[in-house]
Amino acid sequence: MINDIKKFLNEDQDPKAVEKIAEKVNDLLTNGESIEYIAVQNKPAINISPDSIVLTNKRIIFFRSKSFGLVTDFQDYLWKDVGESHISEAILGSTFKMTAVSGFVETIDYIPKSQARKLYQYAQAKEEEMIEFRRQKELEDKRATSGAITVNTQPEQKEEPKPETPTENPMETLMKLKAFLDNDLISVEDYEAKKKEILSRM
């Protein structure tokens, strides 16, 4: 197991704590989900079972120990449900704060600064992906609702696809679509239908 967790020990995480957390997380992983990073709390006082934050390719998981480490409580959020993340640095470490789209806030303090920065970098990359995903979805929803209105106005119908044709790269669109499928943001049926539509335009 120690070889499997070496990639998570780049910022001086406690190997025993990371191994313990990784074992718990492995039992929670869904099909196609993998651990990307583990950050472990480092309080100045003795902390037998520190809290931790685990990032996977599909979600962010907050682990909190209770009853002197005998009980572990966890709360997870799919990346599409994450609104924003922040870190605030202090002398004894950083506080990582995540705000969900629903407005709910999760925080864990005493995260070593280097680990908090890694969390922030990865979370920001995922947030950018989700912003693009939401933007695309919003455009699709607008097209779907305005379709009935514009169907009888032929000049608009002819002009609408023209701006998209030179700028749209079918391969990039297919890659984005595949990323959405891999992150469980769209169904297999939606993926196949959209893929067929894109390929028909090539």
N, C-alpha and C. Protein backbone atom coordinates (compact mmCIF):
# COMPACT_ATOMS: atom_id res chain seq x y z
N MET A 1 0.83 -1.22 0.00
CA MET A 1 0.00 0.00 0.00
C MET A 1 0.85 1.26 0.00
N ILE A 2 2.01 1.21 0.67
CA ILE A 2 2.88 2.40 0.77
C ILE A 2 3.31 2.89 -0.60
N ASN A 3 3.53 1.97 -1.55
CA ASN A 3 3.91 2.38 -2.90
C ASN A 3 2.77 3.11 -3.61
N ASP A 4 1.53 2.70 -3.32
CA ASP A 4 0.37 3.34 -3.93
C ASP A 4 0.19 4.78 -3.44
N ILE A 5 0.61 5.06 -2.21
CA ILE A 5 0.37 6.40 -1.64
C ILE A 5 1.56 7.33 -1.79
N LYS A 6 2.67 6.85 -2.35
CA LYS A 6 3.86 7.70 -2.47
C LYS A 6 3.58 8.97 -3.26
N LYS A 7 2.70 8.88 -4.25
CA LYS A 7 2.42 10.06 -5.08
C LYS A 7 1.68 11.16 -4.30
N PHE A 8 1.12 10.81 -3.12
CA PHE A 8 0.41 11.79 -2.31
C PHE A 8 1.30 12.38 -1.22
N LEU A 9 2.58 12.00 -1.18
CA LEU A 9 3.46 12.42 -0.08
C LEU A 9 4.45 13.51 -0.48
N ASN A 10 4.11 14.27 -1.51
CA ASN A 10 5.03 15.28 -2.03
C ASN A 10 5.15 16.51 -1.13
N GLU A 11 4.16 16.75 -0.28
CA GLU A 11 4.17 17.94 0.57
C GLU A 11 4.27 17.56 2.05
N ASP A 12 5.10 16.56 2.34
CA ASP A 12 5.40 16.14 3.73
C ASP A 12 4.18 15.67 4.52
N GLN A 13 3.26 14.99 3.84
CA GLN A 13 2.15 14.39 4.58
C GLN A 13 2.67 13.24 5.44
N ASP A 14 1.96 12.96 6.53
CA ASP A 14 2.29 11.83 7.39
C ASP A 14 1.88 10.54 6.66
N PRO A 15 2.85 9.68 6.30
CA PRO A 15 2.53 8.46 5.53
C PRO A 15 1.47 7.58 6.19
N LYS A 16 1.55 7.43 7.52
CA LYS A 16 0.58 6.57 8.22
C LYS A 16 -0.83 7.15 8.12
N ALA A 17 -0.94 8.46 8.29
CA ALA A 17 -2.26 9.11 8.21
C ALA A 17 -2.82 8.99 6.79
N VAL A 18 -1.97 9.22 5.79
CA VAL A 18 -2.41 9.14 4.39
C VAL A 18 -2.84 7.72 4.04
N GLU A 19 -2.07 6.73 4.51
CA GLU A 19 -2.41 5.33 4.23
C GLU A 19 -3.78 4.98 4.84
N LYS A 20 -4.00 5.43 6.06
CA LYS A 20 -5.26 5.16 6.76
C LYS A 20 -6.44 5.79 6.00
N ILE A 21 -6.24 7.04 5.55
CA ILE A 21 -7.29 7.75 4.81
C ILE A 21 -7.53 7.09 3.45
N ALA A 22 -6.43 6.73 2.76
CA ALA A 22 -6.55 6.12 1.44
C ALA A 22 -7.34 4.81 1.51
N GLU A 23 -7.13 4.04 2.56
CA GLU A 23 -7.88 2.78 2.73
C GLU A 23 -9.38 3.06 2.86
N LYS A 24 -9.73 4.09 3.62
CA LYS A 24 -11.14 4.44 3.79
C LYS A 24 -11.74 4.94 2.48
N VAL A 25 -10.97 5.77 1.76
CA VAL A 25 -11.47 6.33 0.51
C VAL A 25 -11.67 5.25 -0.54
N ASN A 26 -10.75 4.29 -0.61
CA ASN A 26 -10.85 3.23 -1.61
C ASN A 26 -12.17 2.49 -1.52
N ASP A 27 -12.73 2.40 -0.31
CA ASP A 27 -14.02 1.73 -0.13
C ASP A 27 -15.18 2.58 -0.64
N LEU A 28 -14.93 3.87 -0.87
CA LEU A 28 -15.99 4.79 -1.30
C LEU A 28 -15.95 5.11 -2.80
N LEU A 29 -14.86 4.73 -3.47
CA LEU A 29 -14.70 5.10 -4.87
C LEU A 29 -15.72 4.41 -5.76
N THR A 30 -16.25 5.17 -6.72
CA THR A 30 -17.20 4.62 -7.68
C THR A 30 -16.45 4.17 -8.93
N ASN A 31 -17.17 3.61 -9.87
CA ASN A 31 -16.57 3.12 -11.10
C ASN A 31 -15.90 4.26 -11.88
N GLY A 32 -14.62 4.09 -12.19
CA GLY A 32 -13.89 5.12 -12.93
C GLY A 32 -13.38 6.27 -12.09
N GLU A 33 -13.55 6.19 -10.78
CA GLU A 33 -13.10 7.27 -9.89
C GLU A 33 -11.72 6.95 -9.33
N SER A 34 -10.88 7.95 -9.26
CA SER A 34 -9.52 7.75 -8.72
C SER A 34 -9.13 8.91 -7.81
N ILE A 35 -8.28 8.61 -6.83
CA ILE A 35 -7.80 9.64 -5.90
C ILE A 35 -6.75 10.50 -6.61
N GLU A 36 -6.91 11.82 -6.52
CA GLU A 36 -5.96 12.75 -7.14
C GLU A 36 -5.02 13.38 -6.11
N TYR A 37 -5.54 13.62 -4.90
CA TYR A 37 -4.69 14.27 -3.89
C TYR A 37 -5.30 14.08 -2.50
N ILE A 38 -4.43 13.98 -1.49
CA ILE A 38 -4.86 13.88 -0.09
C ILE A 38 -4.11 14.91 0.73
N ALA A 39 -4.84 15.77 1.42
CA ALA A 39 -4.24 16.75 2.33
C ALA A 39 -4.65 16.39 3.76
N VAL A 40 -3.68 16.47 4.68
CA VAL A 40 -3.93 16.04 6.05
C VAL A 40 -3.70 17.19 7.02
N GLN A 41 -4.63 17.39 7.92
CA GLN A 41 -4.55 18.42 8.95
C GLN A 41 -3.33 18.17 9.84
N ASN A 42 -2.67 19.25 10.27
CA ASN A 42 -1.51 19.14 11.15
C ASN A 42 -1.62 20.17 12.27
N LYS A 43 -2.39 19.81 13.30
CA LYS A 43 -2.59 20.72 14.42
C LYS A 43 -1.32 20.79 15.27
N PRO A 44 -1.08 21.93 15.94
CA PRO A 44 0.09 22.05 16.80
C PRO A 44 0.04 21.08 17.98
N ALA A 45 -1.17 20.76 18.46
CA ALA A 45 -1.31 19.79 19.56
C ALA A 45 -1.31 18.37 18.99
N ILE A 46 -1.15 17.39 19.85
CA ILE A 46 -1.17 15.99 19.41
C ILE A 46 -2.55 15.67 18.84
N ASN A 47 -2.53 15.13 17.65
CA ASN A 47 -3.79 14.82 16.96
C ASN A 47 -3.67 13.42 16.37
N ILE A 48 -4.22 12.42 17.07
CA ILE A 48 -4.07 11.02 16.66
C ILE A 48 -4.76 10.76 15.33
N SER A 49 -5.94 11.33 15.16
CA SER A 49 -6.70 11.13 13.91
C SER A 49 -7.05 12.48 13.31
N PRO A 50 -6.15 13.04 12.50
CA PRO A 50 -6.41 14.37 11.93
C PRO A 50 -7.52 14.35 10.88
N ASP A 51 -8.15 15.49 10.70
CA ASP A 51 -9.12 15.64 9.62
C ASP A 51 -8.35 15.70 8.31
N SER A 52 -9.04 15.46 7.22
CA SER A 52 -8.36 15.48 5.93
C SER A 52 -9.32 15.84 4.80
N ILE A 53 -8.73 16.20 3.67
CA ILE A 53 -9.49 16.52 2.47
C ILE A 53 -8.94 15.65 1.34
N VAL A 54 -9.83 14.95 0.66
CA VAL A 54 -9.43 14.08 -0.45
C VAL A 54 -10.07 14.59 -1.73
N LEU A 55 -9.25 14.75 -2.77
CA LEU A 55 -9.75 15.15 -4.07
C LEU A 55 -9.71 13.94 -5.00
N THR A 56 -10.81 13.67 -5.67
CA THR A 56 -10.82 12.64 -6.70
C THR A 56 -11.15 13.31 -8.02
N ASN A 57 -11.13 12.55 -9.09
CA ASN A 57 -11.46 13.13 -10.39
C ASN A 57 -12.95 13.46 -10.50
N LYS A 58 -13.78 12.97 -9.53
CA LYS A 58 -15.21 13.21 -9.59
C LYS A 58 -15.76 14.10 -8.48
N ARG A 59 -15.06 14.15 -7.33
CA ARG A 59 -15.62 14.88 -6.18
C ARG A 59 -14.55 15.30 -5.19
N ILE A 60 -14.98 16.07 -4.20
CA ILE A 60 -14.13 16.48 -3.08
C ILE A 60 -14.76 15.90 -1.81
N ILE A 61 -13.93 15.26 -0.97
CA ILE A 61 -14.43 14.58 0.22
C ILE A 61 -13.76 15.16 1.45
N PHE A 62 -14.57 15.55 2.44
CA PHE A 62 -14.06 16.07 3.72
C PHE A 62 -14.21 14.96 4.77
N PHE A 63 -13.08 14.54 5.35
CA PHE A 63 -13.09 13.52 6.40
C PHE A 63 -12.85 14.19 7.75
N ARG A 64 -13.70 13.86 8.72
CA ARG A 64 -13.53 14.39 10.07
C ARG A 64 -13.59 13.25 11.07
N SER A 65 -12.59 13.21 11.97
CA SER A 65 -12.54 12.16 12.98
C SER A 65 -13.32 12.59 14.21
N LYS A 66 -14.01 11.63 14.80
CA LYS A 66 -14.78 11.88 16.03
C LYS A 66 -14.50 10.77 17.02
N SER A 67 -14.80 11.03 18.26
CA SER A 67 -14.61 10.04 19.34
C SER A 67 -13.19 9.49 19.36
N PHE A 68 -12.21 10.41 19.36
CA PHE A 68 -10.78 10.05 19.42
C PHE A 68 -10.36 9.12 18.28
N GLY A 69 -10.92 9.36 17.11
CA GLY A 69 -10.53 8.59 15.93
C GLY A 69 -11.28 7.29 15.74
N LEU A 70 -12.20 6.97 16.64
CA LEU A 70 -12.94 5.72 16.51
C LEU A 70 -14.04 5.82 15.46
N VAL A 71 -14.50 7.04 15.20
CA VAL A 71 -15.55 7.26 14.21
C VAL A 71 -15.07 8.30 13.20
N THR A 72 -15.34 8.03 11.92
CA THR A 72 -14.99 8.99 10.88
C THR A 72 -16.25 9.43 10.17
N ASP A 73 -16.43 10.73 10.12
CA ASP A 73 -17.58 11.31 9.42
C ASP A 73 -17.06 11.89 8.11
N PHE A 74 -17.78 11.67 7.01
CA PHE A 74 -17.33 12.28 5.77
C PHE A 74 -18.49 12.94 5.03
N GLN A 75 -18.14 14.01 4.33
CA GLN A 75 -19.10 14.74 3.51
C GLN A 75 -18.48 14.93 2.14
N ASP A 76 -19.19 14.55 1.09
CA ASP A 76 -18.62 14.68 -0.25
C ASP A 76 -19.50 15.53 -1.16
N TYR A 77 -18.85 16.15 -2.16
CA TYR A 77 -19.53 17.02 -3.12
C TYR A 77 -19.00 16.71 -4.51
N LEU A 78 -19.88 16.47 -5.45
CA LEU A 78 -19.46 16.33 -6.84
C LEU A 78 -18.92 17.68 -7.30
N TRP A 79 -17.95 17.64 -8.21
CA TRP A 79 -17.34 18.90 -8.66
C TRP A 79 -18.37 19.85 -9.26
N LYS A 80 -19.42 19.31 -9.90
CA LYS A 80 -20.43 20.19 -10.49
C LYS A 80 -21.24 20.93 -9.42
N ASP A 81 -21.18 20.43 -8.17
CA ASP A 81 -21.91 21.08 -7.07
C ASP A 81 -21.03 22.03 -6.25
N VAL A 82 -19.75 22.16 -6.64
CA VAL A 82 -18.83 23.05 -5.94
C VAL A 82 -18.88 24.43 -6.59
N GLY A 83 -19.21 25.45 -5.79
CA GLY A 83 -19.28 26.81 -6.31
C GLY A 83 -17.92 27.47 -6.38
N GLU A 84 -17.19 27.46 -5.24
CA GLU A 84 -15.86 28.07 -5.22
C GLU A 84 -15.07 27.55 -4.03
N SER A 85 -13.76 27.73 -4.09
CA SER A 85 -12.90 27.33 -2.99
C SER A 85 -11.90 28.44 -2.70
N HIS A 86 -11.47 28.52 -1.42
CA HIS A 86 -10.53 29.56 -0.99
C HIS A 86 -9.57 28.97 0.03
N ILE A 87 -8.40 29.57 0.13
CA ILE A 87 -7.50 29.25 1.24
C ILE A 87 -7.09 30.55 1.93
N SER A 88 -6.97 30.49 3.24
CA SER A 88 -6.43 31.62 3.98
C SER A 88 -5.26 31.10 4.82
N GLU A 89 -4.10 31.72 4.64
CA GLU A 89 -2.89 31.25 5.29
C GLU A 89 -2.64 31.99 6.61
N ALA A 90 -2.19 31.23 7.60
CA ALA A 90 -1.82 31.80 8.90
C ALA A 90 -0.46 31.22 9.29
N ILE A 91 0.05 31.57 10.45
CA ILE A 91 1.38 31.12 10.87
C ILE A 91 1.42 29.60 11.02
N LEU A 92 0.37 29.02 11.59
CA LEU A 92 0.37 27.58 11.89
C LEU A 92 -0.31 26.73 10.82
N GLY A 93 -0.50 27.28 9.63
CA GLY A 93 -1.12 26.51 8.56
C GLY A 93 -2.20 27.30 7.86
N SER A 94 -2.95 26.61 7.02
CA SER A 94 -3.98 27.27 6.23
C SER A 94 -5.35 26.69 6.52
N THR A 95 -6.36 27.50 6.24
CA THR A 95 -7.74 27.02 6.31
C THR A 95 -8.24 26.90 4.88
N PHE A 96 -8.74 25.72 4.55
CA PHE A 96 -9.32 25.49 3.22
C PHE A 96 -10.83 25.59 3.35
N LYS A 97 -11.42 26.45 2.52
CA LYS A 97 -12.87 26.69 2.58
C LYS A 97 -13.48 26.41 1.22
N MET A 98 -14.54 25.60 1.22
CA MET A 98 -15.27 25.29 -0.01
C MET A 98 -16.72 25.71 0.16
N THR A 99 -17.23 26.45 -0.82
CA THR A 99 -18.63 26.84 -0.81
C THR A 99 -19.34 26.11 -1.93
N ALA A 100 -20.38 25.36 -1.58
CA ALA A 100 -21.14 24.61 -2.57
C ALA A 100 -22.07 25.55 -3.34
N VAL A 101 -22.54 25.10 -4.49
CA VAL A 101 -23.48 25.87 -5.30
C VAL A 101 -24.73 26.19 -4.48
N SER A 102 -25.09 25.27 -3.58
CA SER A 102 -26.26 25.46 -2.72
C SER A 102 -26.04 26.53 -1.65
N GLY A 103 -24.77 26.94 -1.45
CA GLY A 103 -24.44 27.93 -0.43
C GLY A 103 -23.85 27.32 0.83
N PHE A 104 -23.87 25.99 0.94
CA PHE A 104 -23.32 25.33 2.12
C PHE A 104 -21.80 25.46 2.12
N VAL A 105 -21.22 25.67 3.32
CA VAL A 105 -19.77 25.90 3.42
C VAL A 105 -19.11 24.80 4.24
N GLU A 106 -17.98 24.30 3.74
CA GLU A 106 -17.16 23.32 4.47
C GLU A 106 -15.78 23.94 4.68
N THR A 107 -15.22 23.80 5.90
CA THR A 107 -13.86 24.29 6.15
C THR A 107 -13.09 23.28 6.99
N ILE A 108 -11.80 23.20 6.73
CA ILE A 108 -10.89 22.44 7.59
C ILE A 108 -9.65 23.30 7.78
N ASP A 109 -9.25 23.48 9.05
CA ASP A 109 -8.10 24.33 9.35
C ASP A 109 -6.84 23.51 9.61
N TYR A 110 -5.76 24.22 9.85
CA TYR A 110 -4.44 23.63 10.12
C TYR A 110 -3.96 22.69 9.01
N ILE A 111 -4.30 23.02 7.77
CA ILE A 111 -3.76 22.29 6.63
C ILE A 111 -2.40 22.93 6.30
N PRO A 112 -1.31 22.15 6.24
CA PRO A 112 -0.02 22.74 5.89
C PRO A 112 -0.12 23.56 4.60
N LYS A 113 0.57 24.69 4.56
CA LYS A 113 0.43 25.64 3.46
C LYS A 113 0.65 25.02 2.09
N SER A 114 1.70 24.19 1.95
CA SER A 114 1.99 23.59 0.64
C SER A 114 0.86 22.68 0.19
N GLN A 115 0.27 21.95 1.15
CA GLN A 115 -0.85 21.07 0.82
C GLN A 115 -2.10 21.88 0.45
N ALA A 116 -2.34 22.96 1.19
CA ALA A 116 -3.50 23.82 0.92
C ALA A 116 -3.40 24.42 -0.48
N ARG A 117 -2.19 24.79 -0.88
CA ARG A 117 -2.01 25.36 -2.22
C ARG A 117 -2.29 24.34 -3.30
N LYS A 118 -1.88 23.09 -3.06
CA LYS A 118 -2.17 22.01 -4.01
C LYS A 118 -3.68 21.80 -4.13
N LEU A 119 -4.35 21.77 -2.98
CA LEU A 119 -5.81 21.63 -2.98
C LEU A 119 -6.45 22.74 -3.82
N TYR A 120 -5.98 23.97 -3.57
CA TYR A 120 -6.54 25.13 -4.25
C TYR A 120 -6.32 25.06 -5.77
N GLN A 121 -5.08 24.67 -6.17
CA GLN A 121 -4.77 24.57 -7.61
C GLN A 121 -5.69 23.57 -8.30
N TYR A 122 -5.81 22.39 -7.69
CA TYR A 122 -6.63 21.35 -8.31
C TYR A 122 -8.10 21.77 -8.33
N ALA A 123 -8.58 22.33 -7.22
CA ALA A 123 -9.98 22.76 -7.13
C ALA A 123 -10.29 23.85 -8.15
N GLN A 124 -9.34 24.78 -8.34
CA GLN A 124 -9.55 25.85 -9.32
C GLN A 124 -9.67 25.29 -10.73
N ALA A 125 -8.82 24.32 -11.06
CA ALA A 125 -8.88 23.70 -12.39
C ALA A 125 -10.24 23.04 -12.60
N LYS A 126 -10.71 22.33 -11.57
CA LYS A 126 -12.01 21.67 -11.67
C LYS A 126 -13.15 22.69 -11.77
N GLU A 127 -13.02 23.79 -11.01
CA GLU A 127 -14.05 24.83 -11.05
C GLU A 127 -14.15 25.44 -12.45
N GLU A 128 -13.00 25.63 -13.10
CA GLU A 128 -13.00 26.17 -14.46
C GLU A 128 -13.71 25.22 -15.41
N GLU A 129 -13.46 23.92 -15.25
CA GLU A 129 -14.15 22.91 -16.06
C GLU A 129 -15.65 23.01 -15.86
N MET A 130 -16.07 23.14 -14.60
CA MET A 130 -17.49 23.17 -14.29
C MET A 130 -18.16 24.46 -14.76
N ILE A 131 -17.41 25.57 -14.76
CA ILE A 131 -17.95 26.84 -15.27
C ILE A 131 -18.26 26.67 -16.76
N GLU A 132 -17.32 26.05 -17.48
CA GLU A 132 -17.53 25.80 -18.90
C GLU A 132 -18.70 24.85 -19.12
N PHE A 133 -18.79 23.82 -18.28
CA PHE A 133 -19.89 22.86 -18.37
C PHE A 133 -21.23 23.56 -18.15
N ARG A 134 -21.31 24.40 -17.11
CA ARG A 134 -22.56 25.10 -16.82
C ARG A 134 -22.91 26.07 -17.94
N ARG A 135 -21.87 26.73 -18.50
CA ARG A 135 -22.10 27.67 -19.60
C ARG A 135 -22.69 26.95 -20.81
N GLN A 136 -22.09 25.80 -21.15
CA GLN A 136 -22.58 25.00 -22.29
C GLN A 136 -24.01 24.54 -22.05
N LYS A 137 -24.26 24.10 -20.81
CA LYS A 137 -25.61 23.61 -20.47
C LYS A 137 -26.63 24.74 -20.56
N GLU A 138 -26.23 25.91 -20.08
CA GLU A 138 -27.11 27.07 -20.14
C GLU A 138 -27.42 27.45 -21.59
N LEU A 139 -26.40 27.40 -22.45
CA LEU A 139 -26.60 27.70 -23.87
C LEU A 139 -27.55 26.69 -24.51
N GLU A 140 -27.34 25.40 -24.17
CA GLU A 140 -28.20 24.36 -24.72
C GLU A 140 -29.64 24.54 -24.26
N ASP A 141 -29.81 24.90 -22.97
CA ASP A 141 -31.16 25.13 -22.44
C ASP A 141 -31.83 26.31 -23.14
N LYS A 142 -31.04 27.37 -23.37
CA LYS A 142 -31.59 28.55 -24.05
C LYS A 142 -31.99 28.22 -25.49
N ARG A 143 -31.13 27.43 -26.15
CA ARG A 143 -31.45 27.03 -27.53
C ARG A 143 -32.72 26.19 -27.55
N ALA A 144 -32.83 25.30 -26.56
CA ALA A 144 -34.00 24.41 -26.51
C ALA A 144 -35.28 25.21 -26.29
N THR A 145 -35.22 26.20 -25.39
CA THR A 145 -36.43 26.99 -25.10
C THR A 145 -36.75 27.99 -26.20
N SER A 146 -35.72 28.50 -26.87
CA SER A 146 -35.99 29.48 -27.93
C SER A 146 -36.24 28.80 -29.28
N GLY A 147 -36.03 27.51 -29.36
CA GLY A 147 -36.22 26.79 -30.63
C GLY A 147 -37.62 26.93 -31.16
N ALA A 148 -38.62 26.84 -30.28
CA ALA A 148 -40.01 26.92 -30.72
C ALA A 148 -40.35 28.31 -31.23
N ILE A 149 -39.67 29.33 -30.71
CA ILE A 149 -39.96 30.71 -31.10
C ILE A 149 -39.31 31.04 -32.44
N THR A 150 -38.07 30.59 -32.63
CA THR A 150 -37.32 30.96 -33.83
C THR A 150 -37.53 30.01 -34.99
N VAL A 151 -38.27 28.93 -34.79
CA VAL A 151 -38.42 27.94 -35.86
C VAL A 151 -39.08 28.52 -37.10
N ASN A 152 -39.98 29.51 -36.96
CA ASN A 152 -40.69 30.07 -38.09
C ASN A 152 -39.96 31.26 -38.72
N THR A 153 -38.90 31.76 -38.09
CA THR A 153 -38.16 32.89 -38.64
C THR A 153 -36.92 32.36 -39.33
N GLN A 154 -37.03 32.10 -40.63
CA GLN A 154 -35.95 31.46 -41.38
C GLN A 154 -34.65 32.25 -41.44
N PRO A 155 -34.67 33.59 -41.55
CA PRO A 155 -33.39 34.31 -41.58
C PRO A 155 -32.55 34.03 -40.33
N GLU A 156 -33.19 34.02 -39.15
CA GLU A 156 -32.45 33.75 -37.91
C GLU A 156 -31.94 32.32 -37.89
N GLN A 157 -32.75 31.41 -38.39
CA GLN A 157 -32.38 30.01 -38.37
C GLN A 157 -31.16 29.76 -39.25
N LYS A 158 -31.09 30.46 -40.38
CA LYS A 158 -29.95 30.28 -41.27
C LYS A 158 -28.69 30.94 -40.72
N GLU A 159 -28.86 32.10 -40.07
CA GLU A 159 -27.70 32.84 -39.58
C GLU A 159 -27.12 32.24 -38.29
N GLU A 160 -27.94 31.59 -37.48
CA GLU A 160 -27.47 31.11 -36.17
C GLU A 160 -26.29 30.13 -36.26
N PRO A 161 -26.34 29.13 -37.15
CA PRO A 161 -25.21 28.20 -37.18
C PRO A 161 -23.92 28.79 -37.75
N LYS A 162 -24.03 29.87 -38.56
CA LYS A 162 -22.85 30.39 -39.25
C LYS A 162 -21.73 30.85 -38.32
N PRO A 163 -22.03 31.61 -37.23
CA PRO A 163 -20.91 32.01 -36.35
C PRO A 163 -20.24 30.82 -35.69
N GLU A 164 -20.99 29.73 -35.44
CA GLU A 164 -20.42 28.58 -34.74
C GLU A 164 -19.51 27.76 -35.64
N THR A 165 -19.85 27.69 -36.95
CA THR A 165 -19.14 26.78 -37.85
C THR A 165 -17.64 27.04 -37.91
N PRO A 166 -17.17 28.30 -38.12
CA PRO A 166 -15.71 28.49 -38.19
C PRO A 166 -15.01 28.33 -36.84
N THR A 167 -15.70 28.67 -35.74
CA THR A 167 -15.01 28.64 -34.44
C THR A 167 -15.10 27.26 -33.78
N GLU A 168 -16.12 26.47 -34.10
CA GLU A 168 -16.29 25.18 -33.43
C GLU A 168 -15.30 24.16 -33.97
N ASN A 169 -14.54 23.59 -33.11
CA ASN A 169 -13.64 22.50 -33.47
C ASN A 169 -14.28 21.20 -33.02
N PRO A 170 -14.73 20.35 -33.97
CA PRO A 170 -15.45 19.13 -33.58
C PRO A 170 -14.65 18.23 -32.63
N MET A 171 -13.34 18.14 -32.85
CA MET A 171 -12.52 17.27 -31.99
C MET A 171 -12.48 17.80 -30.55
N GLU A 172 -12.35 19.13 -30.40
CA GLU A 172 -12.36 19.73 -29.05
C GLU A 172 -13.71 19.52 -28.38
N THR A 173 -14.78 19.70 -29.15
CA THR A 173 -16.13 19.49 -28.60
C THR A 173 -16.31 18.05 -28.15
N LEU A 174 -15.83 17.10 -28.96
CA LEU A 174 -15.93 15.68 -28.59
C LEU A 174 -15.13 15.37 -27.32
N MET A 175 -13.94 15.99 -27.20
CA MET A 175 -13.12 15.77 -26.01
C MET A 175 -13.80 16.32 -24.76
N LYS A 176 -14.40 17.51 -24.88
CA LYS A 176 -15.12 18.09 -23.74
C LYS A 176 -16.31 17.21 -23.35
N LEU A 177 -17.00 16.74 -24.39
CA LEU A 177 -18.16 15.87 -24.17
C LEU A 177 -17.76 14.60 -23.44
N LYS A 178 -16.60 14.03 -23.84
CA LYS A 178 -16.10 12.81 -23.19
C LYS A 178 -15.74 13.08 -21.74
N ALA A 179 -15.16 14.28 -21.46
CA ALA A 179 -14.81 14.65 -20.08
C ALA A 179 -16.08 14.76 -19.23
N PHE A 180 -17.14 15.31 -19.80
CA PHE A 180 -18.40 15.40 -19.08
C PHE A 180 -18.93 14.02 -18.74
N LEU A 181 -18.82 13.09 -19.72
CA LEU A 181 -19.28 11.71 -19.47
C LEU A 181 -18.45 11.05 -18.38
N ASP A 182 -17.13 11.20 -18.45
CA ASP A 182 -16.23 10.59 -17.46
C ASP A 182 -16.49 11.09 -16.06
N ASN A 183 -16.95 12.34 -15.95
CA ASN A 183 -17.22 12.93 -14.64
C ASN A 183 -18.69 12.79 -14.22
N ASP A 184 -19.42 11.91 -14.97
CA ASP A 184 -20.84 11.64 -14.65
C ASP A 184 -21.70 12.91 -14.71
N LEU A 185 -21.34 13.83 -15.59
CA LEU A 185 -22.10 15.07 -15.71
C LEU A 185 -23.20 14.96 -16.77
N ILE A 186 -23.04 13.98 -17.68
CA ILE A 186 -24.09 13.69 -18.65
C ILE A 186 -24.24 12.18 -18.74
N SER A 187 -25.38 11.74 -19.23
CA SER A 187 -25.64 10.30 -19.34
C SER A 187 -24.99 9.75 -20.60
N VAL A 188 -24.87 8.43 -20.65
CA VAL A 188 -24.30 7.76 -21.84
C VAL A 188 -25.17 8.06 -23.05
N GLU A 189 -26.50 8.08 -22.84
CA GLU A 189 -27.42 8.35 -23.95
C GLU A 189 -27.22 9.76 -24.51
N ASP A 190 -27.09 10.75 -23.62
CA ASP A 190 -26.85 12.12 -24.06
C ASP A 190 -25.52 12.22 -24.81
N TYR A 191 -24.51 11.52 -24.28
CA TYR A 191 -23.18 11.53 -24.90
C TYR A 191 -23.26 10.98 -26.33
N GLU A 192 -23.90 9.81 -26.47
CA GLU A 192 -23.98 9.17 -27.78
C GLU A 192 -24.76 10.02 -28.77
N ALA A 193 -25.86 10.62 -28.30
CA ALA A 193 -26.69 11.45 -29.19
C ALA A 193 -25.91 12.68 -29.66
N LYS A 194 -25.22 13.34 -28.73
CA LYS A 194 -24.46 14.54 -29.08
C LYS A 194 -23.28 14.19 -29.98
N LYS A 195 -22.64 13.05 -29.69
CA LYS A 195 -21.49 12.62 -30.50
C LYS A 195 -21.94 12.37 -31.95
N LYS A 196 -23.09 11.70 -32.08
CA LYS A 196 -23.63 11.42 -33.41
C LYS A 196 -23.92 12.71 -34.17
N GLU A 197 -24.47 13.67 -33.44
CA GLU A 197 -24.80 14.97 -34.06
C GLU A 197 -23.52 15.68 -34.53
N ILE A 198 -22.48 15.67 -33.69
CA ILE A 198 -21.21 16.34 -34.05
C ILE A 198 -20.55 15.64 -35.24
N LEU A 199 -20.52 14.30 -35.22
CA LEU A 199 -19.89 13.55 -36.31
C LEU A 199 -20.62 13.77 -37.62
N SER A 200 -21.93 13.96 -37.56
CA SER A 200 -22.70 14.17 -38.79
C SER A 200 -22.37 15.51 -39.44
N ARG A 201 -21.85 16.46 -38.64
CA ARG A 201 -21.49 17.77 -39.16
C ARG A 201 -20.07 17.82 -39.70
N MET A 202 -19.29 16.80 -39.45
CA MET A 202 -17.88 16.80 -39.88
C MET A 202 -17.74 16.42 -41.35
